[in-house]
């Protein structure tokens, strides 16, 4: 059951973990292509040497010469969005793992799907922006979108061998982030450094900030609805600070199945790559006795309104989830630049949604136009100080 794999976003936290997982799985699994945004050319060149892959792409053409000077001889080096799509659709790959951290992943994921390759997807923005289109295209081309997010992987694992019609609801778990107990007014004074200190997960900057204000759960709620074809009313979120129960499903008869494991992205990465089989684990085994107990609590939507906004975007339909995603990205960017507070990210998302109209999301062009417009509106709101 060997596989030839292309990893997009290989220098980020999930992508780098994916490189390590593939190498540990043995010679049947081979990395044939790597891509990154361009911010860490030294690491990318090191990964090329470790994997012996034949093609590498850097999204930023300005880093092309630097990367060419670093990679081993015989490796083809290309740059730009078109090169990313070509790599994703490469004929010598069986599947791609996409860990690019934002909306730029949409085009290469679609290129892979249209080339009839399974996609192990860690980039939730793809399905938040254009989930109905992507899933429909995957169905038309006869390929699978395999979730790599730990929560969606957990649900996917729990659903194996079960019928979706027998499921009453999906239950996503949330760690609660570093400010689970922080009073609302104190959230206004949170610094980027504090927001980046996640208590249980080691993730990229963008997703760590999103986790701090729980906008990541809003994105994940939308992603779950798209992946599993369920309405938002069938998806609940509970806070679980230990991050051991990665998510659950509740059946119509009241039974609940949960997937447990250490908080390590290597597990869902490996499952996506080896599915429908399982291999010896690459993470520490779970010691329930040492753990002692598991805690669950309700999410406070007054302090963290992200779920309400995500459900509103789903109810509006069409391009509104693309608007939600675009505003989130600009909000995180603005928070890191000191232009809005941490709660201001959610306020910005709400303000952008109120100013944008949900159009039909019947084409990628329509989705991308909504994305562009929402970013423009968000930047204007931040620049004028209308949202803080």
Protein backbone atom coordinates (compact mmCIF):
# COMPACT_ATOMS: atom_id res chain seq x y z
CA UNK A 1 0.00 0.00 0.00
CA UNK A 2 2.80 2.42 -0.84
CA UNK A 3 1.97 6.01 -1.75
CA UNK A 4 3.80 8.84 -3.49
CA UNK A 5 2.94 12.07 -1.72
CA UNK A 6 3.20 15.78 -2.43
CA UNK A 7 3.21 18.03 0.66
CA UNK A 8 2.04 21.62 0.24
CA UNK A 9 3.08 23.92 3.08
CA UNK A 10 5.89 21.63 4.20
CA UNK A 11 7.74 24.20 6.34
CA UNK A 12 4.77 25.02 8.58
CA UNK A 13 4.07 23.09 11.78
CA UNK A 14 1.68 20.55 10.19
CA UNK A 15 3.68 20.25 6.97
CA UNK A 16 6.93 19.65 8.83
CA UNK A 17 5.19 17.02 10.97
CA UNK A 18 3.90 15.38 7.77
CA UNK A 19 7.46 15.14 6.41
CA UNK A 20 8.53 13.41 9.62
CA UNK A 21 5.55 11.03 9.55
CA UNK A 22 6.20 9.97 5.94
CA UNK A 23 9.85 9.28 6.71
CA UNK A 24 8.89 7.13 9.71
CA UNK A 25 6.34 5.13 7.72
CA UNK A 26 9.11 3.49 5.73
CA UNK A 27 10.13 3.07 2.09
CA UNK A 28 6.62 2.31 0.79
CA UNK A 29 5.75 5.96 1.39
CA UNK A 30 7.66 8.51 -0.64
CA UNK A 31 7.61 12.31 -0.78
CA UNK A 32 7.87 13.23 -4.47
CA UNK A 33 7.24 16.96 -4.16
CA UNK A 34 7.35 19.75 -1.60
CA UNK A 35 6.07 23.31 -1.58
CA UNK A 36 6.18 26.23 0.85
CA UNK A 37 5.35 29.90 0.95
CA UNK A 38 9.03 30.81 0.85
CA UNK A 39 9.66 32.13 4.35
CA UNK A 40 12.01 29.32 5.41
CA UNK A 41 14.09 28.33 2.36
CA UNK A 42 16.78 26.71 4.49
CA UNK A 43 14.30 24.29 6.08
CA UNK A 44 12.70 23.58 2.70
CA UNK A 45 16.08 22.73 1.18
CA UNK A 46 16.83 20.49 4.18
CA UNK A 47 13.52 18.66 3.66
CA UNK A 48 14.32 18.18 -0.04
CA UNK A 49 17.64 16.59 0.89
CA UNK A 50 16.02 14.36 3.52
CA UNK A 51 13.22 13.15 1.26
CA UNK A 52 15.14 13.03 -2.01
CA UNK A 53 12.14 14.52 -3.79
CA UNK A 54 12.35 15.52 -7.45
CA UNK A 55 10.35 18.75 -7.44
CA UNK A 56 10.09 21.70 -5.07
CA UNK A 57 7.97 24.84 -5.41
CA UNK A 58 8.17 28.13 -3.55
CA UNK A 59 5.05 30.28 -3.66
CA UNK A 60 7.05 33.53 -3.60
CA UNK A 61 8.94 33.97 -6.91
CA UNK A 62 11.30 36.36 -5.12
CA UNK A 63 12.82 33.39 -3.22
CA UNK A 64 13.41 31.27 -6.34
CA UNK A 65 17.12 32.06 -6.86
CA UNK A 66 17.88 31.60 -3.16
CA UNK A 67 16.17 28.21 -3.07
CA UNK A 68 17.88 27.04 -6.26
CA UNK A 69 21.23 27.73 -4.64
CA UNK A 70 20.30 25.63 -1.60
CA UNK A 71 18.67 22.46 -2.99
CA UNK A 72 20.63 19.40 -4.15
CA UNK A 73 21.45 19.04 -7.82
CA UNK A 74 18.82 17.24 -9.88
CA UNK A 75 15.83 18.70 -8.05
CA UNK A 76 13.58 20.88 -10.19
CA UNK A 77 12.79 24.21 -8.51
CA UNK A 78 9.81 26.33 -9.58
CA UNK A 79 7.86 29.28 -8.17
CA UNK A 80 4.45 30.92 -8.19
CA UNK A 81 0.76 29.94 -8.00
CA UNK A 82 0.74 28.10 -11.34
CA UNK A 83 3.69 25.99 -10.25
CA UNK A 84 1.83 25.11 -7.03
CA UNK A 85 -1.15 23.89 -9.05
CA UNK A 86 1.08 21.92 -11.42
CA UNK A 87 2.80 20.23 -8.48
CA UNK A 88 -0.55 19.38 -6.88
CA UNK A 89 -1.67 17.73 -10.12
CA UNK A 90 1.68 16.03 -10.84
CA UNK A 91 1.35 12.67 -12.55
CA UNK A 92 3.95 10.98 -10.32
CA UNK A 93 1.94 11.65 -7.12
CA UNK A 94 -0.80 9.42 -5.69
CA UNK A 95 -2.10 11.99 -3.21
CA UNK A 96 -1.35 15.43 -1.80
CA UNK A 97 -1.29 16.62 1.76
CA UNK A 98 -2.24 20.28 1.93
CA UNK A 99 -1.04 22.20 4.98
CA UNK A 100 -0.84 25.67 3.43
CA UNK A 101 -2.13 28.06 6.09
CA UNK A 102 -4.69 30.19 4.26
CA UNK A 103 -6.96 30.78 1.26
CA UNK A 104 -4.10 30.34 -1.23
CA UNK A 105 -4.59 26.60 -0.86
CA UNK A 106 -7.91 26.59 -2.75
CA UNK A 107 -6.53 26.53 -6.31
CA UNK A 108 -3.92 23.76 -5.77
CA UNK A 109 -6.45 21.61 -3.89
CA UNK A 110 -8.88 21.90 -6.80
CA UNK A 111 -6.05 21.12 -9.23
CA UNK A 112 -5.30 17.91 -7.29
CA UNK A 113 -8.97 16.90 -7.16
CA UNK A 114 -9.38 17.46 -10.91
CA UNK A 115 -6.27 15.34 -11.47
CA UNK A 116 -8.14 12.62 -9.54
CA UNK A 117 -5.90 12.53 -6.50
CA UNK A 118 -7.04 12.04 -2.91
CA UNK A 119 -6.36 15.08 -0.75
CA UNK A 120 -5.30 14.90 2.90
CA UNK A 121 -6.54 18.32 3.97
CA UNK A 122 -5.22 20.31 6.92
CA UNK A 123 -6.18 23.70 5.46
CA UNK A 124 -9.66 24.31 6.81
CA UNK A 125 -9.94 27.57 4.84
CA UNK A 126 -10.47 25.58 1.61
CA UNK A 127 -13.76 24.09 2.81
CA UNK A 128 -14.81 27.21 4.69
CA UNK A 129 -14.46 29.29 1.52
CA UNK A 130 -15.81 26.86 -1.06
CA UNK A 131 -16.76 23.63 0.68
CA UNK A 132 -19.82 22.79 -1.38
CA UNK A 133 -17.93 23.32 -4.64
CA UNK A 134 -14.86 21.36 -3.53
CA UNK A 135 -16.85 18.42 -2.17
CA UNK A 136 -19.02 18.30 -5.29
CA UNK A 137 -15.92 18.32 -7.49
CA UNK A 138 -14.36 15.55 -5.38
CA UNK A 139 -17.53 13.47 -5.82
CA UNK A 140 -17.54 14.08 -9.58
CA UNK A 141 -13.89 13.05 -9.88
CA UNK A 142 -14.23 10.04 -7.57
CA UNK A 143 -11.66 11.16 -4.98
CA UNK A 144 -11.68 11.58 -1.21
CA UNK A 145 -11.04 14.63 0.93
CA UNK A 146 -9.39 13.11 4.00
CA UNK A 147 -9.41 15.40 7.07
CA UNK A 148 -6.17 16.13 8.88
CA UNK A 149 -7.52 18.59 11.46
CA UNK A 150 -7.51 16.57 14.68
CA UNK A 151 -11.22 17.22 15.36
CA UNK A 152 -12.41 16.26 11.88
CA UNK A 153 -10.08 13.30 11.73
CA UNK A 154 -11.62 12.12 15.01
CA UNK A 155 -15.13 12.36 13.60
CA UNK A 156 -14.04 10.65 10.39
CA UNK A 157 -12.52 7.81 12.42
CA UNK A 158 -15.63 7.45 14.58
CA UNK A 159 -17.85 7.29 11.49
CA UNK A 160 -15.97 4.37 9.93
CA UNK A 161 -18.42 1.48 9.55
CA UNK A 162 -21.43 3.62 10.54
CA UNK A 163 -24.20 5.30 8.56
CA UNK A 164 -24.47 9.06 8.80
CA UNK A 165 -28.26 8.75 9.05
CA UNK A 166 -27.78 6.99 12.40
CA UNK A 167 -25.89 9.99 13.82
CA UNK A 168 -27.79 12.63 15.79
CA UNK A 169 -24.94 15.12 16.16
CA UNK A 170 -21.23 15.71 15.80
CA UNK A 171 -19.44 17.03 18.90
CA UNK A 172 -16.28 19.05 18.31
CA UNK A 173 -14.00 19.56 21.28
CA UNK A 174 -12.13 22.79 22.00
CA UNK A 175 -9.23 23.24 24.38
CA UNK A 176 -10.58 26.67 25.30
CA UNK A 177 -7.22 28.23 24.48
CA UNK A 178 -5.05 30.22 26.90
CA UNK A 179 -7.90 32.54 27.97
CA UNK A 180 -10.55 29.99 28.90
CA UNK A 181 -11.07 31.61 32.32
CA UNK A 182 -10.06 35.19 31.45
CA UNK A 183 -12.80 37.81 32.11
CA UNK A 184 -14.14 39.61 29.06
CA UNK A 185 -12.63 43.03 29.85
CA UNK A 186 -9.21 41.51 30.43
CA UNK A 187 -9.31 39.99 26.94
CA UNK A 188 -9.09 43.52 25.54
CA UNK A 189 -5.55 43.80 26.99
CA UNK A 190 -4.18 40.50 25.67
CA UNK A 191 -0.91 40.84 23.77
CA UNK A 192 0.12 38.77 20.72
CA UNK A 193 2.81 37.09 22.83
CA UNK A 194 0.18 35.96 25.35
CA UNK A 195 -2.16 34.78 22.61
CA UNK A 196 0.59 32.66 21.06
CA UNK A 197 1.16 30.71 24.29
CA UNK A 198 -1.32 27.87 23.70
CA UNK A 199 -1.64 25.50 26.68
CA UNK A 200 -1.80 22.17 24.83
CA UNK A 201 -1.00 22.48 21.09
CA UNK A 202 2.05 23.70 19.18
CA UNK A 203 0.70 25.25 15.99
CA UNK A 204 1.40 27.95 13.43
CA UNK A 205 0.95 31.61 14.33
CA UNK A 206 -2.35 32.14 12.50
CA UNK A 207 -4.18 29.12 13.91
CA UNK A 208 -2.80 29.77 17.41
CA UNK A 209 -4.29 33.28 17.44
CA UNK A 210 -7.56 31.92 16.04
CA UNK A 211 -7.59 29.37 18.85
CA UNK A 212 -7.04 32.10 21.44
CA UNK A 213 -10.31 33.80 20.45
CA UNK A 214 -11.99 30.51 19.40
CA UNK A 215 -12.49 31.63 15.81
CA UNK A 216 -10.78 28.37 14.90
CA UNK A 217 -13.89 26.59 16.25
CA UNK A 218 -16.09 28.72 14.00
CA UNK A 219 -13.96 27.71 11.02
CA UNK A 220 -14.01 24.08 12.15
CA UNK A 221 -17.79 24.11 12.57
CA UNK A 222 -18.18 25.24 8.95
CA UNK A 223 -15.59 22.70 7.82
CA UNK A 224 -17.45 19.89 9.61
CA UNK A 225 -20.73 20.82 7.96
CA UNK A 226 -19.07 20.71 4.53
CA UNK A 227 -17.06 17.55 5.09
CA UNK A 228 -19.87 15.48 6.53
CA UNK A 229 -22.88 17.08 4.80
CA UNK A 230 -24.71 18.03 8.00
CA UNK A 231 -26.50 21.26 9.01
CA UNK A 232 -24.96 23.51 11.66
CA UNK A 233 -27.73 22.47 14.07
CA UNK A 234 -26.20 18.96 14.05
CA UNK A 235 -22.79 20.18 15.24
CA UNK A 236 -22.06 21.11 18.86
CA UNK A 237 -18.87 22.28 20.57
CA UNK A 238 -17.73 21.50 24.11
CA UNK A 239 -14.63 22.77 25.89
CA UNK A 240 -12.20 20.02 26.86
CA UNK A 241 -9.00 21.55 28.27
CA UNK A 242 -6.87 18.37 28.22
CA UNK A 243 -7.22 17.99 24.41
CA UNK A 244 -7.29 14.20 24.78
CA UNK A 245 -10.80 13.59 23.39
CA UNK A 246 -10.40 15.00 19.90
CA UNK A 247 -14.11 14.84 19.01
CA UNK A 248 -17.20 12.62 19.31
CA UNK A 249 -20.32 11.50 17.52
CA UNK A 250 -23.68 10.87 19.16
CA UNK A 251 -26.02 8.31 17.60
CA UNK A 252 -29.80 8.52 17.49
CA UNK A 253 -30.03 5.88 20.22
CA UNK A 254 -27.96 8.03 22.61
CA UNK A 255 -24.69 6.13 22.26
CA UNK A 256 -21.54 8.23 21.91
CA UNK A 257 -18.25 7.30 20.24
CA UNK A 258 -15.11 9.32 20.93
CA UNK A 259 -11.60 9.27 19.52
CA UNK A 260 -8.88 9.79 22.12
CA UNK A 261 -5.15 10.32 21.81
CA UNK A 262 -2.27 12.51 22.85
CA UNK A 263 -2.41 16.08 21.48
CA UNK A 264 -0.01 15.44 18.61
CA UNK A 265 -0.79 16.17 14.95
CA UNK A 266 1.26 13.16 13.86
CA UNK A 267 -1.71 10.89 14.60
CA UNK A 268 -4.31 12.47 12.27
CA UNK A 269 -1.61 13.04 9.63
CA UNK A 270 -0.68 9.37 9.68
CA UNK A 271 -4.29 8.20 9.57
CA UNK A 272 -5.01 10.35 6.51
CA UNK A 273 -1.93 9.00 4.73
CA UNK A 274 -2.49 5.31 5.54
CA UNK A 275 -6.32 5.23 5.35
CA UNK A 276 -8.13 2.84 5.10
CA UNK A 277 -5.36 0.96 6.91
CA UNK A 278 -3.64 1.70 10.20
CA UNK A 279 0.07 1.47 11.00
CA UNK A 280 2.09 1.38 14.21
CA UNK A 281 1.76 4.74 15.89
CA UNK A 282 4.32 7.52 15.75
CA UNK A 283 3.07 9.25 18.92
CA UNK A 284 3.17 8.38 22.61
CA UNK A 285 0.54 5.93 23.80
CA UNK A 286 -2.24 7.28 25.97
CA UNK A 287 -1.98 6.42 29.67
CA UNK A 288 -5.49 6.90 31.07
CA UNK A 289 -4.45 6.11 34.64
CA UNK A 290 -1.72 8.73 34.58
CA UNK A 291 -4.16 11.19 33.02
CA UNK A 292 -6.58 10.66 35.88
CA UNK A 293 -9.64 12.50 34.61
CA UNK A 294 -11.21 14.21 31.62
CA UNK A 295 -13.01 17.55 31.98
CA UNK A 296 -15.73 19.11 29.85
CA UNK A 297 -17.51 22.44 30.11
CA UNK A 298 -19.75 24.71 28.08
CA UNK A 299 -18.28 27.29 25.73
CA UNK A 300 -19.00 30.89 26.79
CA UNK A 301 -20.35 32.48 23.61
CA UNK A 302 -20.66 35.89 25.28
CA UNK A 303 -16.89 36.16 25.61
CA UNK A 304 -16.18 34.13 22.47
CA UNK A 305 -18.89 34.83 19.82
CA UNK A 306 -17.13 32.98 17.01
CA UNK A 307 -19.56 30.04 16.91
CA UNK A 308 -22.55 32.34 16.66
CA UNK A 309 -20.92 34.17 13.76
CA UNK A 310 -20.03 30.90 12.01
CA UNK A 311 -23.58 29.61 12.31
CA UNK A 312 -24.85 32.92 10.97
CA UNK A 313 -22.52 32.61 7.97
CA UNK A 314 -23.79 29.10 7.26
CA UNK A 315 -27.41 30.22 7.56
CA UNK A 316 -26.80 33.12 5.15
CA UNK A 317 -25.34 30.60 2.70
CA UNK A 318 -23.61 31.25 -0.59
CA UNK A 319 -20.40 33.26 -0.33
CA UNK A 320 -20.89 34.34 3.30
CA UNK A 321 -18.61 31.62 4.64
CA UNK A 322 -15.88 32.95 2.31
CA UNK A 323 -16.54 36.39 3.80
CA UNK A 324 -16.25 34.91 7.31
CA UNK A 325 -12.91 33.34 6.42
CA UNK A 326 -11.47 36.43 4.74
CA UNK A 327 -12.44 38.69 7.63
CA UNK A 328 -10.89 36.24 10.08
CA UNK A 329 -7.59 36.27 8.20
CA UNK A 330 -7.45 40.07 8.12
CA UNK A 331 -8.47 40.18 11.78
CA UNK A 332 -5.60 37.92 12.83
CA UNK A 333 -3.18 39.92 10.70
CA UNK A 334 -4.42 43.17 12.27
CA UNK A 335 -4.19 41.81 15.83
CA UNK A 336 -0.60 40.71 15.31
CA UNK A 337 0.18 44.21 13.96
CA UNK A 338 -1.37 45.81 17.07
CA UNK A 339 -4.25 47.41 15.16
CA UNK A 340 -7.12 45.54 16.83
CA UNK A 341 -7.54 43.77 20.16
CA UNK A 342 -8.08 40.04 20.47
CA UNK A 343 -11.90 40.40 20.86
CA UNK A 344 -11.67 42.95 18.05
CA UNK A 345 -10.99 40.11 15.61
CA UNK A 346 -14.52 38.78 16.17
CA UNK A 347 -15.95 42.29 16.08
CA UNK A 348 -14.25 42.80 12.72
CA UNK A 349 -15.69 39.54 11.38
CA UNK A 350 -19.18 40.59 12.42
CA UNK A 351 -18.81 44.06 10.92
CA UNK A 352 -17.57 42.69 7.59
CA UNK A 353 -20.41 40.15 7.45
CA UNK A 354 -22.91 42.95 8.05
CA UNK A 355 -21.48 44.96 5.16
CA UNK A 356 -21.22 42.11 2.64
CA UNK A 357 -24.08 40.44 0.78
CA UNK A 358 -24.21 36.66 0.38
CA UNK A 359 -24.01 35.91 -3.31
CA UNK A 360 -24.43 32.56 -5.04
CA UNK A 361 -21.29 30.46 -4.55
CA UNK A 362 -21.81 28.61 -7.82
CA UNK A 363 -18.28 29.15 -9.14
CA UNK A 364 -14.76 29.56 -7.86
CA UNK A 365 -14.70 33.00 -9.46
CA UNK A 366 -17.69 34.07 -7.32
CA UNK A 367 -16.02 32.73 -4.17
CA UNK A 368 -12.75 34.49 -4.96
CA UNK A 369 -14.58 37.75 -5.71
CA UNK A 370 -16.32 37.56 -2.32
CA UNK A 371 -12.99 36.82 -0.65
CA UNK A 372 -11.37 39.85 -2.32
CA UNK A 373 -14.23 42.19 -1.43
CA UNK A 374 -14.37 41.04 2.20
CA UNK A 375 -10.64 41.64 2.60
CA UNK A 376 -11.03 45.13 1.15
CA UNK A 377 -13.88 45.95 3.53
CA UNK A 378 -11.99 44.53 6.52
CA UNK A 379 -8.85 46.53 5.77
CA UNK A 380 -10.91 49.72 5.41
CA UNK A 381 -12.61 49.13 8.78
CA UNK A 382 -9.25 48.60 10.47
CA UNK A 383 -7.57 51.54 8.73
CA UNK A 384 -10.33 53.97 9.73
CA UNK A 385 -10.42 52.72 13.33
CA UNK A 386 -14.06 51.68 12.96
CA UNK A 387 -13.18 48.39 14.70
CA UNK A 388 -10.79 48.03 17.59
